[in-house]
Amino acid sequence: MIFITAKFQVLPEYADRWPEIAGEFTEATRAEPGCQWFDWSRSVEDPNEYVLVEAFRDDAAGAAHVQSDHFKKAQQTLPPHLAETPRIINFTIPQDDWSELGEMAVPSRG
């Protein structure tokens, strides 16, 4: 699985609307057959920063994503709303889903 985390520093005047601004791109990416997840979170320390956690099934799915029409459109439509170039960590890992955090295991509540 290709696991990606990216930080987007959004211009303050667009920060509250970022989920809407990135909405079409988000929906189209989530609909890709090789997309495992594509989830945005807003920083609790910086209201202008959004963190994107995404995963794709394999290299082919990742390549299909960056070659898609919606990705190419996002390359044009999203940067005008950003204060700087997004920062990214991209890594291939030998998993296909989230693992449990054993050190914080929650006992059965049933």
N, C-alpha and C. Protein backbone atom coordinates (compact mmCIF):
# COMPACT_ATOMS: atom_id res chain seq x y z
N MET A 1 0.85 -1.17 0.00
CA MET A 1 0.00 0.00 0.00
C MET A 1 0.89 1.23 0.00
N ILE A 2 0.47 2.25 -0.77
CA ILE A 2 1.15 3.54 -0.73
C ILE A 2 0.43 4.39 0.30
N PHE A 3 1.16 4.83 1.31
CA PHE A 3 0.61 5.64 2.40
C PHE A 3 1.18 7.04 2.28
N ILE A 4 0.31 8.04 2.25
CA ILE A 4 0.71 9.42 2.03
C ILE A 4 0.08 10.31 3.09
N THR A 5 0.89 11.21 3.62
CA THR A 5 0.39 12.27 4.49
C THR A 5 0.91 13.58 3.92
N ALA A 6 0.01 14.54 3.75
CA ALA A 6 0.41 15.83 3.20
C ALA A 6 -0.18 16.95 4.05
N LYS A 7 0.60 18.02 4.22
CA LYS A 7 0.14 19.19 4.96
C LYS A 7 -0.10 20.33 3.98
N PHE A 8 -1.28 20.93 4.07
CA PHE A 8 -1.68 22.02 3.19
C PHE A 8 -1.86 23.28 4.04
N GLN A 9 -1.06 24.30 3.76
CA GLN A 9 -1.20 25.59 4.44
C GLN A 9 -2.10 26.45 3.56
N VAL A 10 -3.34 26.62 3.99
CA VAL A 10 -4.35 27.32 3.21
C VAL A 10 -4.32 28.81 3.57
N LEU A 11 -4.52 29.66 2.57
CA LEU A 11 -4.61 31.09 2.85
C LEU A 11 -5.75 31.34 3.82
N PRO A 12 -5.55 32.22 4.81
CA PRO A 12 -6.57 32.43 5.86
C PRO A 12 -7.98 32.72 5.33
N GLU A 13 -8.08 33.45 4.25
CA GLU A 13 -9.41 33.79 3.72
C GLU A 13 -10.15 32.60 3.12
N TYR A 14 -9.44 31.48 2.91
CA TYR A 14 -10.07 30.28 2.35
C TYR A 14 -10.15 29.12 3.34
N ALA A 15 -9.55 29.28 4.51
CA ALA A 15 -9.41 28.15 5.43
C ALA A 15 -10.75 27.54 5.85
N ASP A 16 -11.73 28.35 6.16
CA ASP A 16 -13.02 27.80 6.58
C ASP A 16 -13.74 27.09 5.46
N ARG A 17 -13.43 27.44 4.22
CA ARG A 17 -14.10 26.86 3.05
C ARG A 17 -13.30 25.74 2.39
N TRP A 18 -12.12 25.42 2.94
CA TRP A 18 -11.25 24.44 2.28
C TRP A 18 -11.95 23.11 2.00
N PRO A 19 -12.71 22.53 2.92
CA PRO A 19 -13.38 21.27 2.58
C PRO A 19 -14.29 21.40 1.35
N GLU A 20 -14.94 22.53 1.21
CA GLU A 20 -15.78 22.77 0.03
C GLU A 20 -14.91 22.98 -1.22
N ILE A 21 -13.84 23.75 -1.09
CA ILE A 21 -12.95 24.02 -2.22
C ILE A 21 -12.33 22.74 -2.75
N ALA A 22 -11.92 21.85 -1.85
CA ALA A 22 -11.30 20.58 -2.24
C ALA A 22 -12.32 19.46 -2.40
N GLY A 23 -13.59 19.77 -2.25
CA GLY A 23 -14.63 18.74 -2.22
C GLY A 23 -14.75 17.90 -3.47
N GLU A 24 -14.76 18.51 -4.63
CA GLU A 24 -14.89 17.76 -5.89
C GLU A 24 -13.70 16.81 -6.07
N PHE A 25 -12.50 17.31 -5.79
CA PHE A 25 -11.29 16.50 -5.88
C PHE A 25 -11.35 15.34 -4.88
N THR A 26 -11.79 15.63 -3.67
CA THR A 26 -11.89 14.60 -2.63
C THR A 26 -12.86 13.50 -3.04
N GLU A 27 -14.04 13.88 -3.48
CA GLU A 27 -15.05 12.88 -3.87
C GLU A 27 -14.56 12.03 -5.04
N ALA A 28 -13.96 12.67 -6.05
CA ALA A 28 -13.48 11.92 -7.21
C ALA A 28 -12.37 10.96 -6.82
N THR A 29 -11.47 11.39 -5.93
CA THR A 29 -10.38 10.52 -5.50
C THR A 29 -10.91 9.34 -4.70
N ARG A 30 -11.84 9.59 -3.80
CA ARG A 30 -12.41 8.50 -3.00
C ARG A 30 -13.13 7.47 -3.87
N ALA A 31 -13.59 7.88 -5.04
CA ALA A 31 -14.29 6.97 -5.95
C ALA A 31 -13.34 6.12 -6.79
N GLU A 32 -12.05 6.43 -6.77
CA GLU A 32 -11.09 5.65 -7.53
C GLU A 32 -11.04 4.22 -6.99
N PRO A 33 -11.00 3.22 -7.87
CA PRO A 33 -10.99 1.83 -7.39
C PRO A 33 -9.80 1.48 -6.50
N GLY A 34 -8.66 2.14 -6.69
CA GLY A 34 -7.47 1.82 -5.91
C GLY A 34 -7.28 2.66 -4.67
N CYS A 35 -8.21 3.58 -4.39
CA CYS A 35 -8.10 4.44 -3.22
C CYS A 35 -8.57 3.68 -1.98
N GLN A 36 -7.71 3.58 -0.99
CA GLN A 36 -8.07 2.93 0.28
C GLN A 36 -8.79 3.93 1.19
N TRP A 37 -8.24 5.15 1.28
CA TRP A 37 -8.87 6.25 2.01
C TRP A 37 -8.25 7.56 1.59
N PHE A 38 -8.97 8.64 1.85
CA PHE A 38 -8.55 9.99 1.47
C PHE A 38 -9.26 10.92 2.45
N ASP A 39 -8.60 11.20 3.59
CA ASP A 39 -9.24 11.86 4.72
C ASP A 39 -8.52 13.15 5.11
N TRP A 40 -9.30 14.23 5.17
CA TRP A 40 -8.80 15.54 5.59
C TRP A 40 -9.05 15.74 7.08
N SER A 41 -8.10 16.41 7.74
CA SER A 41 -8.27 16.86 9.12
C SER A 41 -7.72 18.27 9.22
N ARG A 42 -8.33 19.06 10.09
CA ARG A 42 -7.86 20.43 10.31
C ARG A 42 -7.03 20.45 11.58
N SER A 43 -5.90 21.13 11.53
CA SER A 43 -5.03 21.22 12.69
C SER A 43 -5.74 21.91 13.85
N VAL A 44 -5.53 21.39 15.05
CA VAL A 44 -6.09 22.04 16.25
C VAL A 44 -5.19 23.19 16.70
N GLU A 45 -3.97 23.28 16.19
CA GLU A 45 -3.04 24.34 16.56
C GLU A 45 -3.00 25.48 15.54
N ASP A 46 -3.27 25.17 14.28
CA ASP A 46 -3.20 26.18 13.22
C ASP A 46 -4.45 26.03 12.35
N PRO A 47 -5.42 26.92 12.48
CA PRO A 47 -6.67 26.78 11.74
C PRO A 47 -6.52 26.91 10.22
N ASN A 48 -5.34 27.30 9.75
CA ASN A 48 -5.11 27.41 8.31
C ASN A 48 -4.42 26.18 7.73
N GLU A 49 -4.13 25.21 8.59
CA GLU A 49 -3.44 24.00 8.13
C GLU A 49 -4.41 22.80 8.10
N TYR A 50 -4.40 22.12 6.97
CA TYR A 50 -5.15 20.88 6.82
C TYR A 50 -4.16 19.76 6.55
N VAL A 51 -4.44 18.59 7.12
CA VAL A 51 -3.61 17.42 6.91
C VAL A 51 -4.43 16.39 6.15
N LEU A 52 -3.87 15.88 5.09
CA LEU A 52 -4.51 14.87 4.26
C LEU A 52 -3.81 13.54 4.49
N VAL A 53 -4.56 12.54 4.89
CA VAL A 53 -4.04 11.18 5.05
C VAL A 53 -4.71 10.34 3.97
N GLU A 54 -3.89 9.77 3.10
CA GLU A 54 -4.44 9.02 1.97
C GLU A 54 -3.65 7.74 1.77
N ALA A 55 -4.29 6.77 1.15
CA ALA A 55 -3.63 5.51 0.84
C ALA A 55 -4.20 4.96 -0.45
N PHE A 56 -3.31 4.32 -1.21
CA PHE A 56 -3.69 3.68 -2.45
C PHE A 56 -3.21 2.24 -2.43
N ARG A 57 -3.95 1.37 -3.06
CA ARG A 57 -3.73 -0.07 -3.01
C ARG A 57 -2.30 -0.46 -3.38
N ASP A 58 -1.74 0.16 -4.44
CA ASP A 58 -0.41 -0.21 -4.92
C ASP A 58 0.12 0.88 -5.85
N ASP A 59 1.29 0.64 -6.43
CA ASP A 59 1.90 1.63 -7.31
C ASP A 59 1.00 1.98 -8.50
N ALA A 60 0.34 0.98 -9.05
CA ALA A 60 -0.54 1.23 -10.20
C ALA A 60 -1.70 2.15 -9.81
N ALA A 61 -2.25 1.95 -8.63
CA ALA A 61 -3.35 2.81 -8.16
C ALA A 61 -2.86 4.22 -7.91
N GLY A 62 -1.65 4.35 -7.36
CA GLY A 62 -1.07 5.67 -7.15
C GLY A 62 -0.81 6.39 -8.46
N ALA A 63 -0.31 5.66 -9.45
CA ALA A 63 -0.06 6.24 -10.76
C ALA A 63 -1.37 6.66 -11.43
N ALA A 64 -2.39 5.83 -11.31
CA ALA A 64 -3.70 6.17 -11.89
C ALA A 64 -4.24 7.45 -11.25
N HIS A 65 -4.01 7.62 -9.96
CA HIS A 65 -4.48 8.80 -9.26
C HIS A 65 -3.83 10.07 -9.82
N VAL A 66 -2.49 10.08 -9.92
CA VAL A 66 -1.82 11.30 -10.38
C VAL A 66 -2.00 11.54 -11.88
N GLN A 67 -2.46 10.55 -12.61
CA GLN A 67 -2.72 10.72 -14.04
C GLN A 67 -4.19 11.00 -14.34
N SER A 68 -5.02 11.02 -13.30
CA SER A 68 -6.47 11.21 -13.49
C SER A 68 -6.79 12.65 -13.88
N ASP A 69 -7.91 12.82 -14.53
CA ASP A 69 -8.37 14.16 -14.91
C ASP A 69 -8.63 15.02 -13.68
N HIS A 70 -9.20 14.42 -12.62
CA HIS A 70 -9.49 15.23 -11.43
C HIS A 70 -8.21 15.68 -10.71
N PHE A 71 -7.15 14.87 -10.78
CA PHE A 71 -5.88 15.29 -10.19
C PHE A 71 -5.30 16.45 -10.99
N LYS A 72 -5.34 16.33 -12.32
CA LYS A 72 -4.82 17.41 -13.17
C LYS A 72 -5.61 18.70 -12.96
N LYS A 73 -6.92 18.58 -12.79
CA LYS A 73 -7.74 19.76 -12.52
C LYS A 73 -7.37 20.37 -11.17
N ALA A 74 -7.18 19.52 -10.16
CA ALA A 74 -6.81 20.01 -8.82
C ALA A 74 -5.47 20.73 -8.84
N GLN A 75 -4.55 20.30 -9.70
CA GLN A 75 -3.26 20.97 -9.82
C GLN A 75 -3.44 22.43 -10.27
N GLN A 76 -4.53 22.70 -10.95
CA GLN A 76 -4.81 24.07 -11.42
C GLN A 76 -5.67 24.84 -10.42
N THR A 77 -6.67 24.18 -9.83
CA THR A 77 -7.66 24.89 -9.02
C THR A 77 -7.30 25.05 -7.54
N LEU A 78 -6.51 24.14 -6.98
CA LEU A 78 -6.21 24.23 -5.55
C LEU A 78 -5.07 25.18 -5.18
N PRO A 79 -3.95 25.22 -5.91
CA PRO A 79 -2.85 26.09 -5.50
C PRO A 79 -3.17 27.57 -5.28
N PRO A 80 -4.10 28.19 -6.02
CA PRO A 80 -4.39 29.60 -5.74
C PRO A 80 -4.96 29.84 -4.33
N HIS A 81 -5.40 28.79 -3.65
CA HIS A 81 -5.95 28.91 -2.31
C HIS A 81 -4.92 28.61 -1.22
N LEU A 82 -3.70 28.29 -1.64
CA LEU A 82 -2.66 27.87 -0.70
C LEU A 82 -1.62 28.95 -0.45
N ALA A 83 -1.09 28.97 0.77
CA ALA A 83 -0.05 29.93 1.14
C ALA A 83 1.34 29.45 0.74
N GLU A 84 1.48 28.13 0.57
CA GLU A 84 2.78 27.56 0.20
C GLU A 84 2.55 26.19 -0.43
N THR A 85 3.60 25.66 -1.03
CA THR A 85 3.53 24.33 -1.62
C THR A 85 3.30 23.30 -0.52
N PRO A 86 2.34 22.40 -0.68
CA PRO A 86 2.10 21.38 0.34
C PRO A 86 3.36 20.54 0.59
N ARG A 87 3.48 20.07 1.83
CA ARG A 87 4.57 19.18 2.23
C ARG A 87 4.02 17.77 2.34
N ILE A 88 4.83 16.78 1.96
CA ILE A 88 4.31 15.41 1.84
C ILE A 88 5.30 14.37 2.35
N ILE A 89 4.75 13.30 2.89
CA ILE A 89 5.50 12.08 3.16
C ILE A 89 4.78 10.98 2.39
N ASN A 90 5.53 10.24 1.59
CA ASN A 90 4.98 9.21 0.72
C ASN A 90 5.82 7.96 0.91
N PHE A 91 5.17 6.87 1.31
CA PHE A 91 5.93 5.66 1.61
C PHE A 91 5.12 4.43 1.23
N THR A 92 5.78 3.43 0.70
CA THR A 92 5.13 2.15 0.42
C THR A 92 5.33 1.26 1.64
N ILE A 93 4.23 0.71 2.15
CA ILE A 93 4.30 -0.13 3.34
C ILE A 93 3.65 -1.49 3.06
N PRO A 94 4.08 -2.53 3.75
CA PRO A 94 3.54 -3.86 3.52
C PRO A 94 2.26 -4.13 4.33
N GLN A 95 1.25 -3.30 4.11
CA GLN A 95 -0.05 -3.45 4.78
C GLN A 95 -1.13 -3.15 3.75
N ASP A 96 -2.37 -3.44 4.13
CA ASP A 96 -3.47 -3.06 3.25
C ASP A 96 -4.59 -2.36 4.03
N ASP A 97 -4.35 -2.07 5.31
CA ASP A 97 -5.34 -1.37 6.13
C ASP A 97 -4.65 -0.87 7.40
N TRP A 98 -5.39 -0.17 8.24
CA TRP A 98 -4.87 0.31 9.52
C TRP A 98 -4.63 -0.88 10.46
N SER A 99 -3.61 -0.78 11.29
CA SER A 99 -3.36 -1.76 12.34
C SER A 99 -3.87 -1.16 13.65
N GLU A 100 -4.13 -2.02 14.63
CA GLU A 100 -4.54 -1.54 15.95
C GLU A 100 -3.32 -1.04 16.72
N LEU A 101 -3.52 -0.01 17.52
CA LEU A 101 -2.48 0.53 18.39
C LEU A 101 -2.56 -0.24 19.70
N GLY A 102 -1.83 -1.34 19.78
CA GLY A 102 -1.90 -2.25 20.91
C GLY A 102 -1.60 -1.61 22.25
N GLU A 103 -0.74 -0.58 22.25
CA GLU A 103 -0.37 0.07 23.50
C GLU A 103 -1.54 0.86 24.10
N MET A 104 -2.59 1.07 23.34
CA MET A 104 -3.78 1.77 23.85
C MET A 104 -5.03 0.93 23.61
N ALA A 105 -4.89 -0.37 23.76
CA ALA A 105 -6.00 -1.27 23.53
C ALA A 105 -7.19 -0.91 24.41
N VAL A 106 -8.35 -0.92 23.83
CA VAL A 106 -9.59 -0.64 24.55
C VAL A 106 -10.23 -1.97 24.92
N PRO A 107 -10.51 -2.18 26.19
CA PRO A 107 -11.12 -3.46 26.59
C PRO A 107 -12.53 -3.57 26.01
N SER A 108 -12.97 -4.79 25.88
CA SER A 108 -14.31 -5.06 25.37
C SER A 108 -15.34 -4.36 26.26
N ARG A 109 -16.31 -3.71 25.66
CA ARG A 109 -17.34 -2.99 26.42
C ARG A 109 -18.65 -3.76 26.45
N GLY A 110 -18.61 -4.99 26.01
CA GLY A 110 -19.84 -5.79 25.92
C GLY A 110 -20.03 -6.71 27.01
